[in-house]
């Protein structure tokens, strides 16, 4: 049971991070995180997602200005690409969510913070052009990664309602 408790505590410890230090993410750690992402399951094992790893500060700033604010301060962002196929939007969104959660957990396992954001408005076209993404693929979700800036995190205004729903309000048995 102690191993299970440690694993559950690890899963429950994943938090969204918006502020990062300037410390780089090593190639070895990033490769390990990407391998976890590569092995993420997908609907019918279609493996529709691809990623572009961005470390270029100018492009990270563009991503930040395009709706994913934490990218402007992150040492690395992973732009998730899905097929631009309106008939598969819901399935692709589901597969993207699975991929992102696994990437965030892999980063957490390495002691890094991470977050997900989505490109807004013209941001999709802007980042598609900036990264030379070919037609037929759509950048939408962006995962930011890095060492959590604890000082900045602690300086943020505290959520007046930081708690979670009680289990009885979250999980219903047999029917609502």
Protein backbone atom coordinates (compact mmCIF):
# COMPACT_ATOMS: atom_id res chain seq x y z
CA UNK A 1 0.00 0.00 0.00
CA UNK A 2 2.82 2.54 0.63
CA UNK A 3 3.79 2.47 -3.06
CA UNK A 4 0.18 3.05 -4.09
CA UNK A 5 -0.13 5.94 -1.64
CA UNK A 6 3.04 7.53 -3.06
CA UNK A 7 1.71 7.18 -6.60
CA UNK A 8 -1.67 8.67 -5.71
CA UNK A 9 0.02 11.55 -3.87
CA UNK A 10 2.21 12.14 -6.95
CA UNK A 11 -0.86 12.25 -9.25
CA UNK A 12 -2.75 14.56 -6.91
CA UNK A 13 0.32 16.82 -6.63
CA UNK A 14 0.24 17.91 -10.28
CA UNK A 15 -0.44 21.66 -10.42
CA UNK A 16 -0.71 24.22 -13.21
CA UNK A 17 2.40 26.43 -13.31
CA UNK A 18 2.40 29.86 -14.91
CA UNK A 19 5.74 31.24 -13.70
CA UNK A 20 9.09 29.72 -14.54
CA UNK A 21 12.72 30.40 -13.77
CA UNK A 22 15.20 30.94 -16.61
CA UNK A 23 16.76 27.52 -15.96
CA UNK A 24 16.84 25.48 -19.18
CA UNK A 25 15.25 22.07 -19.55
CA UNK A 26 17.96 19.59 -20.49
CA UNK A 27 17.80 17.68 -23.77
CA UNK A 28 17.82 14.41 -21.83
CA UNK A 29 14.82 15.37 -19.70
CA UNK A 30 12.95 16.80 -22.67
CA UNK A 31 13.60 13.63 -24.67
CA UNK A 32 12.23 11.52 -21.82
CA UNK A 33 9.10 13.69 -21.61
CA UNK A 34 8.60 13.44 -25.38
CA UNK A 35 8.96 9.64 -25.24
CA UNK A 36 6.16 9.50 -22.68
CA UNK A 37 4.07 11.66 -25.01
CA UNK A 38 4.89 9.43 -27.98
CA UNK A 39 3.63 6.40 -26.09
CA UNK A 40 0.32 8.00 -25.13
CA UNK A 41 -2.71 6.10 -26.34
CA UNK A 42 -5.09 7.50 -28.95
CA UNK A 43 -8.49 6.63 -30.38
CA UNK A 44 -8.16 3.52 -32.55
CA UNK A 45 -4.38 3.92 -32.12
CA UNK A 46 -4.42 6.47 -34.97
CA UNK A 47 -1.69 8.53 -33.29
CA UNK A 48 -2.94 11.76 -34.90
CA UNK A 49 -0.86 14.17 -32.84
CA UNK A 50 2.60 15.53 -33.54
CA UNK A 51 4.51 18.16 -31.62
CA UNK A 52 6.90 21.02 -32.28
CA UNK A 53 9.34 21.79 -29.47
CA UNK A 54 10.01 25.52 -29.18
CA UNK A 55 12.92 27.07 -27.29
CA UNK A 56 13.40 30.15 -29.48
CA UNK A 57 12.65 33.13 -27.24
CA UNK A 58 11.08 35.22 -30.04
CA UNK A 59 8.64 32.43 -30.92
CA UNK A 60 7.89 31.74 -27.23
CA UNK A 61 7.00 35.43 -26.95
CA UNK A 62 4.73 35.11 -30.01
CA UNK A 63 3.02 32.10 -28.43
CA UNK A 64 2.56 34.13 -25.25
CA UNK A 65 1.00 37.00 -27.21
CA UNK A 66 -1.23 34.50 -29.05
CA UNK A 67 -3.11 33.38 -25.96
CA UNK A 68 -0.69 31.20 -24.02
CA UNK A 69 0.75 33.81 -21.67
CA UNK A 70 3.02 31.46 -19.65
CA UNK A 71 5.00 30.66 -22.83
CA UNK A 72 6.59 34.11 -22.69
CA UNK A 73 8.38 33.13 -19.48
CA UNK A 74 8.92 29.42 -20.08
CA UNK A 75 12.21 27.96 -21.29
CA UNK A 76 10.36 25.52 -23.56
CA UNK A 77 6.93 25.03 -25.07
CA UNK A 78 5.53 22.01 -26.84
CA UNK A 79 3.03 22.95 -29.55
CA UNK A 80 0.63 20.08 -30.14
CA UNK A 81 -0.49 19.57 -33.75
CA UNK A 82 -3.63 17.73 -34.78
CA UNK A 83 -5.05 17.01 -38.21
CA UNK A 84 -7.19 19.94 -39.36
CA UNK A 85 -10.19 17.70 -40.00
CA UNK A 86 -13.53 19.11 -38.80
CA UNK A 87 -15.08 15.62 -38.82
CA UNK A 88 -12.60 14.49 -36.13
CA UNK A 89 -12.48 17.61 -33.94
CA UNK A 90 -13.92 15.91 -30.85
CA UNK A 91 -11.73 12.81 -31.15
CA UNK A 92 -8.64 14.93 -31.79
CA UNK A 93 -9.46 17.08 -28.76
CA UNK A 94 -9.75 13.95 -26.63
CA UNK A 95 -6.44 12.56 -27.94
CA UNK A 96 -4.77 15.93 -27.37
CA UNK A 97 -6.01 15.96 -23.78
CA UNK A 98 -4.58 12.50 -23.18
CA UNK A 99 -1.22 13.53 -24.64
CA UNK A 100 -1.05 16.78 -22.67
CA UNK A 101 -1.86 15.14 -19.35
CA UNK A 102 0.85 12.52 -19.88
CA UNK A 103 3.42 15.18 -20.86
CA UNK A 104 2.54 17.21 -17.75
CA UNK A 105 2.88 14.13 -15.53
CA UNK A 106 6.24 13.24 -17.11
CA UNK A 107 7.45 16.78 -16.48
CA UNK A 108 6.19 16.54 -12.88
CA UNK A 109 8.13 13.26 -12.49
CA UNK A 110 11.27 15.20 -13.44
CA UNK A 111 10.48 17.91 -10.89
CA UNK A 112 9.39 20.43 -13.52
CA UNK A 113 6.27 22.55 -13.63
CA UNK A 114 3.99 22.74 -16.61
CA UNK A 115 0.74 24.09 -17.94
CA UNK A 116 -1.55 23.85 -20.93
CA UNK A 117 -2.93 26.75 -22.91
CA UNK A 118 -4.70 27.20 -26.21
CA UNK A 119 -3.89 29.58 -29.01
CA UNK A 120 -6.56 32.24 -29.39
CA UNK A 121 -7.94 34.26 -32.31
CA UNK A 122 -5.31 34.81 -34.99
CA UNK A 123 -2.82 32.95 -32.80
CA UNK A 124 -3.34 29.69 -34.64
CA UNK A 125 -2.44 31.25 -38.02
CA UNK A 126 0.42 33.27 -36.49
CA UNK A 127 2.07 30.27 -34.86
CA UNK A 128 1.37 28.03 -37.82
CA UNK A 129 3.33 30.46 -39.99
CA UNK A 130 6.08 31.06 -37.41
CA UNK A 131 6.73 27.31 -37.11
CA UNK A 132 6.27 26.48 -40.82
CA UNK A 133 3.50 24.01 -40.02
CA UNK A 134 2.20 22.44 -43.23
CA UNK A 135 -1.39 22.63 -44.41
CA UNK A 136 -3.56 19.91 -42.96
CA UNK A 137 -2.17 20.31 -39.43
CA UNK A 138 -3.49 22.66 -36.78
CA UNK A 139 -1.58 24.03 -33.80
CA UNK A 140 -3.93 24.65 -30.93
CA UNK A 141 -2.79 23.28 -27.58
CA UNK A 142 0.52 24.41 -26.12
CA UNK A 143 2.28 22.87 -23.13
CA UNK A 144 4.73 25.11 -21.30
CA UNK A 145 7.46 23.50 -19.20
CA UNK A 146 10.20 24.62 -16.87
CA UNK A 147 11.38 24.96 -13.32
CA UNK A 148 8.65 26.50 -11.19
CA UNK A 149 9.45 30.02 -10.01
CA UNK A 150 8.30 29.54 -6.41
CA UNK A 151 8.76 33.22 -5.49
CA UNK A 152 6.49 34.37 -8.30
CA UNK A 153 4.03 31.57 -7.54
CA UNK A 154 3.84 32.55 -3.87
CA UNK A 155 3.40 36.23 -4.80
CA UNK A 156 0.28 35.54 -6.87
CA UNK A 157 -3.03 36.51 -5.27
CA UNK A 158 -4.52 33.50 -3.54
CA UNK A 159 -7.69 31.98 -4.91
CA UNK A 160 -10.51 32.89 -2.50
CA UNK A 161 -11.98 29.41 -3.10
CA UNK A 162 -8.93 27.12 -3.33
CA UNK A 163 -10.74 23.96 -2.25
CA UNK A 164 -12.10 21.19 -4.38
CA UNK A 165 -15.65 19.90 -4.54
CA UNK A 166 -16.32 17.27 -1.94
CA UNK A 167 -16.41 13.78 -3.40
CA UNK A 168 -20.20 13.52 -3.02
CA UNK A 169 -20.64 16.61 -5.22
CA UNK A 170 -18.24 15.27 -7.82
CA UNK A 171 -18.97 11.55 -8.10
CA UNK A 172 -22.49 10.16 -8.45
CA UNK A 173 -23.28 6.48 -8.10
CA UNK A 174 -25.49 4.67 -10.61
CA UNK A 175 -27.43 7.83 -11.54
CA UNK A 176 -27.28 11.58 -10.94
